[in-house]
Full PDB file with SEQRES, HELIX, SHEET, SSBOND, CRYST1, ORIGX, SCALE, CONECT and MASTER records, all heavy atoms in Angstrom:
SEQRES   1 A   38  HIS GLY GLY HIS TYR ALA PRO GLY PRO ASN ALA GLN LEU          
SEQRES   2 A   38  ALA ALA PHE SER VAL PRO ALA GLU GLY TYR GLY LYS PHE          
SEQRES   3 A   38  ILE THR ASP ILE PHE ASN GLU TRP ILE ARG GLN GLY              
HELIX    1 AA1 GLY A   22  ARG A   36  1                                  15    
CRYST1    1.000    1.000    1.000  90.00  90.00  90.00 P 1           1          
ORIGX1      1.000000  0.000000  0.000000        0.00000                         
ORIGX2      0.000000  1.000000  0.000000        0.00000                         
ORIGX3      0.000000  0.000000  1.000000        0.00000                         
SCALE1      1.000000  0.000000  0.000000        0.00000                         
SCALE2      0.000000  1.000000  0.000000        0.00000                         
SCALE3      0.000000  0.000000  1.000000        0.00000                         
ATOM      1  N   HIS A   1      -9.801 -15.287 -35.455  1.00  0.00           N  
ATOM      2  CA  HIS A   1      -9.429 -14.848 -36.733  1.00  0.00           C  
ATOM      3  C   HIS A   1      -8.470 -15.914 -37.371  1.00  0.00           C  
ATOM      4  O   HIS A   1      -7.451 -16.089 -36.722  1.00  0.00           O  
ATOM      5  CB  HIS A   1      -8.866 -13.427 -36.740  1.00  0.00           C  
ATOM      6  CG  HIS A   1      -8.495 -12.867 -38.118  1.00  0.00           C  
ATOM      7  ND1 HIS A   1      -9.472 -12.514 -38.996  1.00  0.00           N  
ATOM      8  CD2 HIS A   1      -7.291 -12.776 -38.749  1.00  0.00           C  
ATOM      9  CE1 HIS A   1      -8.818 -12.116 -40.120  1.00  0.00           C  
ATOM     10  NE2 HIS A   1      -7.575 -12.232 -40.003  1.00  0.00           N  
ATOM     11  N   GLY A   2      -8.792 -16.364 -38.453  1.00  0.00           N  
ATOM     12  CA  GLY A   2      -7.985 -17.338 -39.190  1.00  0.00           C  
ATOM     13  C   GLY A   2      -7.577 -18.528 -38.350  1.00  0.00           C  
ATOM     14  O   GLY A   2      -6.492 -19.169 -38.436  1.00  0.00           O  
ATOM     15  N   GLY A   3      -8.600 -19.000 -37.478  1.00  0.00           N  
ATOM     16  CA  GLY A   3      -8.250 -20.116 -36.595  1.00  0.00           C  
ATOM     17  C   GLY A   3      -7.614 -19.813 -35.469  1.00  0.00           C  
ATOM     18  O   GLY A   3      -7.266 -20.759 -34.561  1.00  0.00           O  
ATOM     19  N   HIS A   4      -7.150 -18.652 -35.110  1.00  0.00           N  
ATOM     20  CA  HIS A   4      -6.576 -18.203 -33.959  1.00  0.00           C  
ATOM     21  C   HIS A   4      -7.499 -17.467 -32.941  1.00  0.00           C  
ATOM     22  O   HIS A   4      -8.525 -16.806 -33.352  1.00  0.00           O  
ATOM     23  CB  HIS A   4      -5.353 -17.149 -34.317  1.00  0.00           C  
ATOM     24  CG  HIS A   4      -4.174 -17.700 -35.090  1.00  0.00           C  
ATOM     25  ND1 HIS A   4      -3.089 -18.119 -34.478  1.00  0.00           N  
ATOM     26  CD2 HIS A   4      -4.066 -17.904 -36.391  1.00  0.00           C  
ATOM     27  CE1 HIS A   4      -2.195 -18.516 -35.316  1.00  0.00           C  
ATOM     28  NE2 HIS A   4      -2.789 -18.483 -36.496  1.00  0.00           N  
ATOM     29  N   TYR A   5      -7.073 -17.550 -31.726  1.00  0.00           N  
ATOM     30  CA  TYR A   5      -7.828 -16.597 -30.742  1.00  0.00           C  
ATOM     31  C   TYR A   5      -7.242 -15.272 -30.858  1.00  0.00           C  
ATOM     32  O   TYR A   5      -6.120 -14.946 -30.795  1.00  0.00           O  
ATOM     33  CB  TYR A   5      -7.552 -17.229 -29.235  1.00  0.00           C  
ATOM     34  CG  TYR A   5      -8.071 -16.400 -28.244  1.00  0.00           C  
ATOM     35  CD1 TYR A   5      -9.489 -16.391 -28.039  1.00  0.00           C  
ATOM     36  CD2 TYR A   5      -7.295 -15.520 -27.415  1.00  0.00           C  
ATOM     37  CE1 TYR A   5     -10.056 -15.564 -26.991  1.00  0.00           C  
ATOM     38  CE2 TYR A   5      -7.844 -14.790 -26.457  1.00  0.00           C  
ATOM     39  CZ  TYR A   5      -9.224 -14.789 -26.161  1.00  0.00           C  
ATOM     40  OH  TYR A   5      -9.771 -14.044 -25.204  1.00  0.00           O  
ATOM     41  N   ALA A   6      -8.247 -14.401 -31.282  1.00  0.00           N  
ATOM     42  CA  ALA A   6      -7.752 -13.008 -31.610  1.00  0.00           C  
ATOM     43  C   ALA A   6      -8.840 -11.993 -31.299  1.00  0.00           C  
ATOM     44  O   ALA A   6      -9.467 -11.468 -32.225  1.00  0.00           O  
ATOM     45  CB  ALA A   6      -7.318 -12.906 -33.006  1.00  0.00           C  
ATOM     46  N   PRO A   7      -9.080 -11.720 -29.995  1.00  0.00           N  
ATOM     47  CA  PRO A   7     -10.165 -10.693 -29.665  1.00  0.00           C  
ATOM     48  C   PRO A   7      -9.675  -9.351 -30.039  1.00  0.00           C  
ATOM     49  O   PRO A   7      -8.396  -9.039 -30.063  1.00  0.00           O  
ATOM     50  CB  PRO A   7     -10.300 -10.774 -28.140  1.00  0.00           C  
ATOM     51  CG  PRO A   7      -8.974 -11.396 -27.631  1.00  0.00           C  
ATOM     52  CD  PRO A   7      -8.562 -12.323 -28.813  1.00  0.00           C  
ATOM     53  N   GLY A   8     -10.607  -8.460 -30.332  1.00  0.00           N  
ATOM     54  CA  GLY A   8     -10.304  -7.094 -30.646  1.00  0.00           C  
ATOM     55  C   GLY A   8      -9.686  -6.317 -29.595  1.00  0.00           C  
ATOM     56  O   GLY A   8      -9.773  -6.757 -28.370  1.00  0.00           O  
ATOM     57  N   PRO A   9      -9.025  -5.197 -29.803  1.00  0.00           N  
ATOM     58  CA  PRO A   9      -8.449  -4.354 -28.722  1.00  0.00           C  
ATOM     59  C   PRO A   9      -9.446  -4.021 -27.696  1.00  0.00           C  
ATOM     60  O   PRO A   9     -10.547  -3.506 -27.925  1.00  0.00           O  
ATOM     61  CB  PRO A   9      -7.806  -3.123 -29.420  1.00  0.00           C  
ATOM     62  CG  PRO A   9      -8.563  -3.032 -30.706  1.00  0.00           C  
ATOM     63  CD  PRO A   9      -8.930  -4.487 -31.079  1.00  0.00           C  
ATOM     64  N   ASN A  10      -9.145  -4.184 -26.369  1.00  0.00           N  
ATOM     65  CA  ASN A  10     -10.043  -3.846 -25.274  1.00  0.00           C  
ATOM     66  C   ASN A  10     -11.503  -4.447 -25.496  1.00  0.00           C  
ATOM     67  O   ASN A  10     -12.487  -3.814 -25.370  1.00  0.00           O  
ATOM     68  CB  ASN A  10     -10.040  -2.393 -25.149  1.00  0.00           C  
ATOM     69  CG  ASN A  10      -8.821  -1.767 -24.728  1.00  0.00           C  
ATOM     70  OD1 ASN A  10      -8.021  -2.482 -23.920  1.00  0.00           O  
ATOM     71  ND2 ASN A  10      -8.418  -0.692 -25.231  1.00  0.00           N  
ATOM     72  N   ALA A  11     -11.419  -5.753 -25.802  1.00  0.00           N  
ATOM     73  CA  ALA A  11     -12.739  -6.453 -26.182  1.00  0.00           C  
ATOM     74  C   ALA A  11     -13.653  -6.427 -25.039  1.00  0.00           C  
ATOM     75  O   ALA A  11     -13.413  -6.343 -23.896  1.00  0.00           O  
ATOM     76  CB  ALA A  11     -12.357  -7.887 -26.580  1.00  0.00           C  
ATOM     77  N   GLN A  12     -15.029  -6.382 -25.433  1.00  0.00           N  
ATOM     78  CA  GLN A  12     -16.029  -6.362 -24.469  1.00  0.00           C  
ATOM     79  C   GLN A  12     -16.118  -7.771 -23.831  1.00  0.00           C  
ATOM     80  O   GLN A  12     -16.023  -8.793 -24.386  1.00  0.00           O  
ATOM     81  CB  GLN A  12     -17.395  -6.256 -25.184  1.00  0.00           C  
ATOM     82  CG  GLN A  12     -18.663  -6.348 -24.301  1.00  0.00           C  
ATOM     83  CD  GLN A  12     -18.897  -5.115 -23.509  1.00  0.00           C  
ATOM     84  OE1 GLN A  12     -18.583  -4.083 -23.911  1.00  0.00           O  
ATOM     85  NE2 GLN A  12     -19.259  -5.336 -22.215  1.00  0.00           N  
ATOM     86  N   LEU A  13     -16.035  -7.762 -22.491  1.00  0.00           N  
ATOM     87  CA  LEU A  13     -16.126  -8.999 -21.727  1.00  0.00           C  
ATOM     88  C   LEU A  13     -17.525  -9.439 -21.420  1.00  0.00           C  
ATOM     89  O   LEU A  13     -18.422  -8.648 -21.336  1.00  0.00           O  
ATOM     90  CB  LEU A  13     -15.223  -8.872 -20.460  1.00  0.00           C  
ATOM     91  CG  LEU A  13     -13.782  -8.654 -20.587  1.00  0.00           C  
ATOM     92  CD1 LEU A  13     -13.034  -8.609 -19.127  1.00  0.00           C  
ATOM     93  CD2 LEU A  13     -13.152  -9.821 -21.432  1.00  0.00           C  
ATOM     94  N   ALA A  14     -17.663 -10.758 -21.228  1.00  0.00           N  
ATOM     95  CA  ALA A  14     -19.021 -11.346 -20.847  1.00  0.00           C  
ATOM     96  C   ALA A  14     -19.203 -10.876 -19.332  1.00  0.00           C  
ATOM     97  O   ALA A  14     -18.386 -10.581 -18.612  1.00  0.00           O  
ATOM     98  CB  ALA A  14     -18.892 -12.855 -20.799  1.00  0.00           C  
ATOM     99  N   ALA A  15     -20.543 -10.667 -19.093  1.00  0.00           N  
ATOM    100  CA  ALA A  15     -20.989 -10.107 -17.844  1.00  0.00           C  
ATOM    101  C   ALA A  15     -20.621 -10.873 -16.718  1.00  0.00           C  
ATOM    102  O   ALA A  15     -20.338 -10.400 -15.578  1.00  0.00           O  
ATOM    103  CB  ALA A  15     -22.519  -9.979 -17.925  1.00  0.00           C  
ATOM    104  N   PHE A  16     -20.286 -12.156 -16.881  1.00  0.00           N  
ATOM    105  CA  PHE A  16     -19.951 -13.154 -15.741  1.00  0.00           C  
ATOM    106  C   PHE A  16     -18.473 -12.980 -15.418  1.00  0.00           C  
ATOM    107  O   PHE A  16     -17.964 -13.491 -14.299  1.00  0.00           O  
ATOM    108  CB  PHE A  16     -20.378 -14.507 -15.947  1.00  0.00           C  
ATOM    109  CG  PHE A  16     -19.850 -15.083 -17.197  1.00  0.00           C  
ATOM    110  CD1 PHE A  16     -18.590 -15.334 -17.656  1.00  0.00           C  
ATOM    111  CD2 PHE A  16     -20.817 -15.351 -18.214  1.00  0.00           C  
ATOM    112  CE1 PHE A  16     -18.133 -15.894 -18.665  1.00  0.00           C  
ATOM    113  CE2 PHE A  16     -20.444 -15.906 -19.533  1.00  0.00           C  
ATOM    114  CZ  PHE A  16     -19.011 -16.217 -19.783  1.00  0.00           C  
ATOM    115  N   SER A  17     -17.693 -12.225 -16.153  1.00  0.00           N  
ATOM    116  CA  SER A  17     -16.217 -12.077 -15.933  1.00  0.00           C  
ATOM    117  C   SER A  17     -16.019 -11.505 -14.607  1.00  0.00           C  
ATOM    118  O   SER A  17     -16.647 -10.508 -14.189  1.00  0.00           O  
ATOM    119  CB  SER A  17     -15.638 -11.349 -17.011  1.00  0.00           C  
ATOM    120  OG  SER A  17     -15.715 -12.172 -18.294  1.00  0.00           O  
ATOM    121  N   VAL A  18     -14.880 -11.848 -13.855  1.00  0.00           N  
ATOM    122  CA  VAL A  18     -14.467 -11.144 -12.625  1.00  0.00           C  
ATOM    123  C   VAL A  18     -13.993  -9.881 -13.025  1.00  0.00           C  
ATOM    124  O   VAL A  18     -13.299  -9.611 -14.015  1.00  0.00           O  
ATOM    125  CB  VAL A  18     -13.438 -12.076 -11.971  1.00  0.00           C  
ATOM    126  CG1 VAL A  18     -12.147 -12.105 -12.754  1.00  0.00           C  
ATOM    127  CG2 VAL A  18     -13.156 -11.628 -10.552  1.00  0.00           C  
ATOM    128  N   PRO A  19     -14.275  -8.772 -12.137  1.00  0.00           N  
ATOM    129  CA  PRO A  19     -13.785  -7.543 -12.289  1.00  0.00           C  
ATOM    130  C   PRO A  19     -12.255  -7.548 -12.371  1.00  0.00           C  
ATOM    131  O   PRO A  19     -11.576  -8.400 -11.650  1.00  0.00           O  
ATOM    132  CB  PRO A  19     -14.302  -6.744 -11.154  1.00  0.00           C  
ATOM    133  CG  PRO A  19     -15.551  -7.370 -10.776  1.00  0.00           C  
ATOM    134  CD  PRO A  19     -15.286  -8.887 -11.038  1.00  0.00           C  
ATOM    135  N   ALA A  20     -11.550  -6.590 -13.079  1.00  0.00           N  
ATOM    136  CA  ALA A  20     -10.103  -6.611 -13.215  1.00  0.00           C  
ATOM    137  C   ALA A  20      -9.284  -6.701 -11.847  1.00  0.00           C  
ATOM    138  O   ALA A  20      -8.281  -7.344 -11.654  1.00  0.00           O  
ATOM    139  CB  ALA A  20      -9.677  -5.508 -14.033  1.00  0.00           C  
ATOM    140  N   GLU A  21      -9.889  -5.945 -10.954  1.00  0.00           N  
ATOM    141  CA  GLU A  21      -9.321  -5.831  -9.584  1.00  0.00           C  
ATOM    142  C   GLU A  21     -10.056  -6.830  -8.596  1.00  0.00           C  
ATOM    143  O   GLU A  21      -9.560  -7.009  -7.421  1.00  0.00           O  
ATOM    144  CB  GLU A  21      -9.210  -4.420  -9.077  1.00  0.00           C  
ATOM    145  CG  GLU A  21      -8.350  -3.545  -9.897  1.00  0.00           C  
ATOM    146  CD  GLU A  21      -8.126  -2.197  -9.358  1.00  0.00           C  
ATOM    147  OE1 GLU A  21      -8.212  -2.043  -8.117  1.00  0.00           O  
ATOM    148  OE2 GLU A  21      -7.832  -1.315 -10.169  1.00  0.00           O  
ATOM    149  N   GLY A  22     -11.085  -7.506  -9.047  1.00  0.00           N  
ATOM    150  CA  GLY A  22     -11.884  -8.213  -8.087  1.00  0.00           C  
ATOM    151  C   GLY A  22     -11.218  -9.489  -7.730  1.00  0.00           C  
ATOM    152  O   GLY A  22     -11.459 -10.048  -6.606  1.00  0.00           O  
ATOM    153  N   TYR A  23     -10.432 -10.194  -8.640  1.00  0.00           N  
ATOM    154  CA  TYR A  23      -9.709 -11.372  -8.397  1.00  0.00           C  
ATOM    155  C   TYR A  23      -8.692 -11.167  -7.282  1.00  0.00           C  
ATOM    156  O   TYR A  23      -8.584 -12.025  -6.352  1.00  0.00           O  
ATOM    157  CB  TYR A  23      -9.052 -11.947  -9.631  1.00  0.00           C  
ATOM    158  CG  TYR A  23      -8.332 -13.190  -9.381  1.00  0.00           C  
ATOM    159  CD1 TYR A  23      -9.092 -14.381  -8.957  1.00  0.00           C  
ATOM    160  CD2 TYR A  23      -6.972 -13.417  -9.665  1.00  0.00           C  
ATOM    161  CE1 TYR A  23      -8.233 -15.616  -8.817  1.00  0.00           C  
ATOM    162  CE2 TYR A  23      -6.393 -14.542  -9.485  1.00  0.00           C  
ATOM    163  CZ  TYR A  23      -6.915 -15.658  -9.038  1.00  0.00           C  
ATOM    164  OH  TYR A  23      -6.312 -16.866  -8.839  1.00  0.00           O  
ATOM    165  N   GLY A  24      -8.082  -9.982  -7.204  1.00  0.00           N  
ATOM    166  CA  GLY A  24      -7.128  -9.670  -6.240  1.00  0.00           C  
ATOM    167  C   GLY A  24      -7.729  -9.615  -4.937  1.00  0.00           C  
ATOM    168  O   GLY A  24      -7.235 -10.095  -3.813  1.00  0.00           O  
ATOM    169  N   LYS A  25      -8.906  -9.011  -4.826  1.00  0.00           N  
ATOM    170  CA  LYS A  25      -9.650  -8.825  -3.528  1.00  0.00           C  
ATOM    171  C   LYS A  25     -10.042 -10.124  -3.076  1.00  0.00           C  
ATOM    172  O   LYS A  25      -9.799 -10.503  -1.805  1.00  0.00           O  
ATOM    173  CB  LYS A  25     -10.817  -7.855  -3.780  1.00  0.00           C  
ATOM    174  CG  LYS A  25     -11.691  -7.795  -2.408  1.00  0.00           C  
ATOM    175  CD  LYS A  25     -12.715  -6.950  -2.549  1.00  0.00           C  
ATOM    176  CE  LYS A  25     -13.716  -7.003  -1.292  1.00  0.00           C  
ATOM    177  NZ  LYS A  25     -13.034  -7.092   0.072  1.00  0.00           N  
ATOM    178  N   PHE A  26     -10.515 -11.054  -3.948  1.00  0.00           N  
ATOM    179  CA  PHE A  26     -11.040 -12.256  -3.531  1.00  0.00           C  
ATOM    180  C   PHE A  26      -9.871 -13.158  -2.891  1.00  0.00           C  
ATOM    181  O   PHE A  26      -9.926 -13.668  -1.782  1.00  0.00           O  
ATOM    182  CB  PHE A  26     -11.555 -13.034  -4.735  1.00  0.00           C  
ATOM    183  CG  PHE A  26     -12.088 -14.368  -4.440  1.00  0.00           C  
ATOM    184  CD1 PHE A  26     -13.399 -14.653  -3.993  1.00  0.00           C  
ATOM    185  CD2 PHE A  26     -11.312 -15.527  -4.592  1.00  0.00           C  
ATOM    186  CE1 PHE A  26     -13.930 -15.916  -3.721  1.00  0.00           C  
ATOM    187  CE2 PHE A  26     -11.724 -16.828  -4.235  1.00  0.00           C  
ATOM    188  CZ  PHE A  26     -13.035 -16.987  -3.879  1.00  0.00           C  
ATOM    189  N   ILE A  27      -8.756 -13.259  -3.603  1.00  0.00           N  
ATOM    190  CA  ILE A  27      -7.633 -14.064  -3.107  1.00  0.00           C  
ATOM    191  C   ILE A  27      -6.960 -13.489  -1.808  1.00  0.00           C  
ATOM    192  O   ILE A  27      -6.615 -14.276  -0.987  1.00  0.00           O  
ATOM    193  CB  ILE A  27      -6.565 -14.229  -4.233  1.00  0.00           C  
ATOM    194  CG1 ILE A  27      -7.135 -15.037  -5.431  1.00  0.00           C  
ATOM    195  CG2 ILE A  27      -5.379 -14.899  -3.739  1.00  0.00           C  
ATOM    196  CD1 ILE A  27      -7.576 -16.450  -5.115  1.00  0.00           C  
ATOM    197  N   THR A  28      -6.853 -12.225  -1.688  1.00  0.00           N  
ATOM    198  CA  THR A  28      -6.287 -11.663  -0.566  1.00  0.00           C  
ATOM    199  C   THR A  28      -7.268 -11.788   0.659  1.00  0.00           C  
ATOM    200  O   THR A  28      -6.752 -12.125   1.824  1.00  0.00           O  
ATOM    201  CB  THR A  28      -5.873 -10.200  -0.683  1.00  0.00           C  
ATOM    202  OG1 THR A  28      -7.175  -9.455  -1.107  1.00  0.00           O  
ATOM    203  CG2 THR A  28      -4.893  -9.901  -1.659  1.00  0.00           C  
ATOM    204  N   ASP A  29      -8.566 -11.850   0.503  1.00  0.00           N  
ATOM    205  CA  ASP A  29      -9.495 -12.058   1.504  1.00  0.00           C  
ATOM    206  C   ASP A  29      -9.408 -13.650   1.931  1.00  0.00           C  
ATOM    207  O   ASP A  29      -9.526 -13.935   3.046  1.00  0.00           O  
ATOM    208  CB  ASP A  29     -10.988 -11.837   0.970  1.00  0.00           C  
ATOM    209  CG  ASP A  29     -11.227 -10.274   0.925  1.00  0.00           C  
ATOM    210  OD1 ASP A  29     -10.362  -9.578   1.521  1.00  0.00           O  
ATOM    211  OD2 ASP A  29     -12.361  -9.886   0.453  1.00  0.00           O  
ATOM    212  N   ILE A  30      -9.272 -14.436   0.914  1.00  0.00           N  
ATOM    213  CA  ILE A  30      -9.045 -15.888   1.208  1.00  0.00           C  
ATOM    214  C   ILE A  30      -7.842 -16.123   2.029  1.00  0.00           C  
ATOM    215  O   ILE A  30      -7.732 -16.836   3.081  1.00  0.00           O  
ATOM    216  CB  ILE A  30      -8.920 -16.713  -0.138  1.00  0.00           C  
ATOM    217  CG1 ILE A  30     -10.290 -16.775  -0.890  1.00  0.00           C  
ATOM    218  CG2 ILE A  30      -8.344 -18.111   0.114  1.00  0.00           C  
ATOM    219  CD1 ILE A  30     -11.333 -17.686  -0.345  1.00  0.00           C  
ATOM    220  N   PHE A  31      -6.745 -15.492   1.660  1.00  0.00           N  
ATOM    221  CA  PHE A  31      -5.410 -15.601   2.313  1.00  0.00           C  
ATOM    222  C   PHE A  31      -5.595 -15.107   3.863  1.00  0.00           C  
ATOM    223  O   PHE A  31      -5.210 -15.771   4.820  1.00  0.00           O  
ATOM    224  CB  PHE A  31      -4.363 -14.658   1.756  1.00  0.00           C  
ATOM    225  CG  PHE A  31      -2.997 -14.825   2.192  1.00  0.00           C  
ATOM    226  CD1 PHE A  31      -2.251 -15.995   1.865  1.00  0.00           C  
ATOM    227  CD2 PHE A  31      -2.381 -13.935   3.045  1.00  0.00           C  
ATOM    228  CE1 PHE A  31      -0.920 -16.136   2.425  1.00  0.00           C  
ATOM    229  CE2 PHE A  31      -1.059 -14.038   3.453  1.00  0.00           C  
ATOM    230  CZ  PHE A  31      -0.339 -15.230   3.114  1.00  0.00           C  
ATOM    231  N   ASN A  32      -6.350 -13.929   4.129  1.00  0.00           N  
ATOM    232  CA  ASN A  32      -6.584 -13.508   5.459  1.00  0.00           C  
ATOM    233  C   ASN A  32      -7.373 -14.492   6.318  1.00  0.00           C  
ATOM    234  O   ASN A  32      -7.042 -14.689   7.422  1.00  0.00           O  
ATOM    235  CB  ASN A  32      -7.212 -12.099   5.406  1.00  0.00           C  
ATOM    236  CG  ASN A  32      -6.364 -11.092   4.819  1.00  0.00           C  
ATOM    237  OD1 ASN A  32      -5.157 -11.205   4.725  1.00  0.00           O  
ATOM    238  ND2 ASN A  32      -6.973  -9.867   4.507  1.00  0.00           N  
ATOM    239  N   GLU A  33      -8.313 -15.064   5.510  1.00  0.00           N  
ATOM    240  CA  GLU A  33      -9.214 -16.006   6.322  1.00  0.00           C  
ATOM    241  C   GLU A  33      -8.501 -17.315   6.625  1.00  0.00           C  
ATOM    242  O   GLU A  33      -8.728 -17.920   7.772  1.00  0.00           O  
ATOM    243  CB  GLU A  33     -10.515 -16.250   5.445  1.00  0.00           C  
ATOM    244  CG  GLU A  33     -11.599 -16.895   6.169  1.00  0.00           C  
ATOM    245  CD  GLU A  33     -12.219 -15.938   7.297  1.00  0.00           C  
ATOM    246  OE1 GLU A  33     -11.961 -14.707   7.248  1.00  0.00           O  
ATOM    247  OE2 GLU A  33     -12.950 -16.456   8.213  1.00  0.00           O  
ATOM    248  N   TRP A  34      -7.744 -17.722   5.718  1.00  0.00           N  
ATOM    249  CA  TRP A  34      -6.807 -18.941   5.989  1.00  0.00           C  
ATOM    250  C   TRP A  34      -5.979 -18.758   7.165  1.00  0.00           C  
ATOM    251  O   TRP A  34      -5.787 -19.707   8.032  1.00  0.00           O  
ATOM    252  CB  TRP A  34      -5.888 -19.065   4.589  1.00  0.00           C  
ATOM    253  CG  TRP A  34      -5.079 -20.268   4.590  1.00  0.00           C  
ATOM    254  CD1 TRP A  34      -5.387 -21.560   4.596  1.00  0.00           C  
ATOM    255  CD2 TRP A  34      -3.653 -20.214   4.264  1.00  0.00           C  
ATOM    256  NE1 TRP A  34      -4.403 -22.392   4.421  1.00  0.00           N  
ATOM    257  CE2 TRP A  34      -3.221 -21.631   4.150  1.00  0.00           C  
ATOM    258  CE3 TRP A  34      -2.708 -19.259   3.922  1.00  0.00           C  
ATOM    259  CZ2 TRP A  34      -1.883 -21.915   3.855  1.00  0.00           C  
ATOM    260  CZ3 TRP A  34      -1.459 -19.581   3.706  1.00  0.00           C  
ATOM    261  CH2 TRP A  34      -1.013 -20.938   3.550  1.00  0.00           C  
ATOM    262  N   ILE A  35      -5.362 -17.512   7.295  1.00  0.00           N  
ATOM    263  CA  ILE A  35      -4.581 -17.145   8.469  1.00  0.00           C  
ATOM    264  C   ILE A  35      -5.459 -17.083   9.684  1.00  0.00           C  
ATOM    265  O   ILE A  35      -5.102 -17.650  10.800  1.00  0.00           O  
ATOM    266  CB  ILE A  35      -3.732 -15.915   8.263  1.00  0.00           C  
ATOM    267  CG1 ILE A  35      -2.778 -16.237   7.083  1.00  0.00           C  
ATOM    268  CG2 ILE A  35      -3.080 -15.437   9.484  1.00  0.00           C  
ATOM    269  CD1 ILE A  35      -2.048 -14.972   6.633  1.00  0.00           C  
ATOM    270  N   ARG A  36      -6.530 -16.277   9.590  1.00  0.00           N  
ATOM    271  CA  ARG A  36      -7.403 -16.016  10.809  1.00  0.00           C  
ATOM    272  C   ARG A  36      -7.881 -17.304  11.419  1.00  0.00           C  
ATOM    273  O   ARG A  36      -7.980 -17.403  12.655  1.00  0.00           O  
ATOM    274  CB  ARG A  36      -8.548 -15.248  10.394  1.00  0.00           C  
ATOM    275  CG  ARG A  36      -9.305 -14.594  11.548  1.00  0.00           C  
ATOM    276  CD  ARG A  36     -10.619 -13.801  11.136  1.00  0.00           C  
ATOM    277  NE  ARG A  36     -11.664 -14.617  10.515  1.00  0.00           N  
ATOM    278  CZ  ARG A  36     -12.511 -15.327  11.264  1.00  0.00           C  
ATOM    279  NH1 ARG A  36     -12.380 -15.296  12.598  1.00  0.00           N  
ATOM    280  NH2 ARG A  36     -13.367 -16.042  10.788  1.00  0.00           N  
ATOM    281  N   GLN A  37      -8.267 -18.300  10.594  1.00  0.00           N  
ATOM    282  CA  GLN A  37      -8.884 -19.608  11.120  1.00  0.00           C  
ATOM    283  C   GLN A  37      -7.801 -20.558  11.576  1.00  0.00           C  
ATOM    284  O   GLN A  37      -8.064 -21.611  11.969  1.00  0.00           O  
ATOM    285  CB  GLN A  37      -9.876 -20.123  10.145  1.00  0.00           C  
ATOM    286  CG  GLN A  37     -10.988 -19.212   9.812  1.00  0.00           C  
ATOM    287  CD  GLN A  37     -12.140 -20.025   9.249  1.00  0.00           C  
ATOM    288  OE1 GLN A  37     -12.379 -21.379   9.423  1.00  0.00           O  
ATOM    289  NE2 GLN A  37     -13.082 -19.408   8.579  1.00  0.00           N  
ATOM    290  N   GLY A  38      -6.526 -20.147  11.336  1.00  0.00           N  
ATOM    291  CA  GLY A  38      -5.494 -21.089  11.726  1.00  0.00           C  
ATOM    292  C   GLY A  38      -5.360 -22.309  10.953  1.00  0.00           C  
ATOM    293  O   GLY A  38      -4.950 -23.386  11.368  1.00  0.00           O  
TER     294      GLY A  38                                                      
MASTER        0    0    0    1    0    0    0    6  293    1    0    3          
END                                                                             
């Protein structure tokens, strides 16, 4: 809007977007695997 990035409130996300809590699961799983594999 007016040259600014200005999505509406609670804007609809593209289908490929990561779920809101999905990024947390992914990174914590990565952290665990990093440790598990030494």
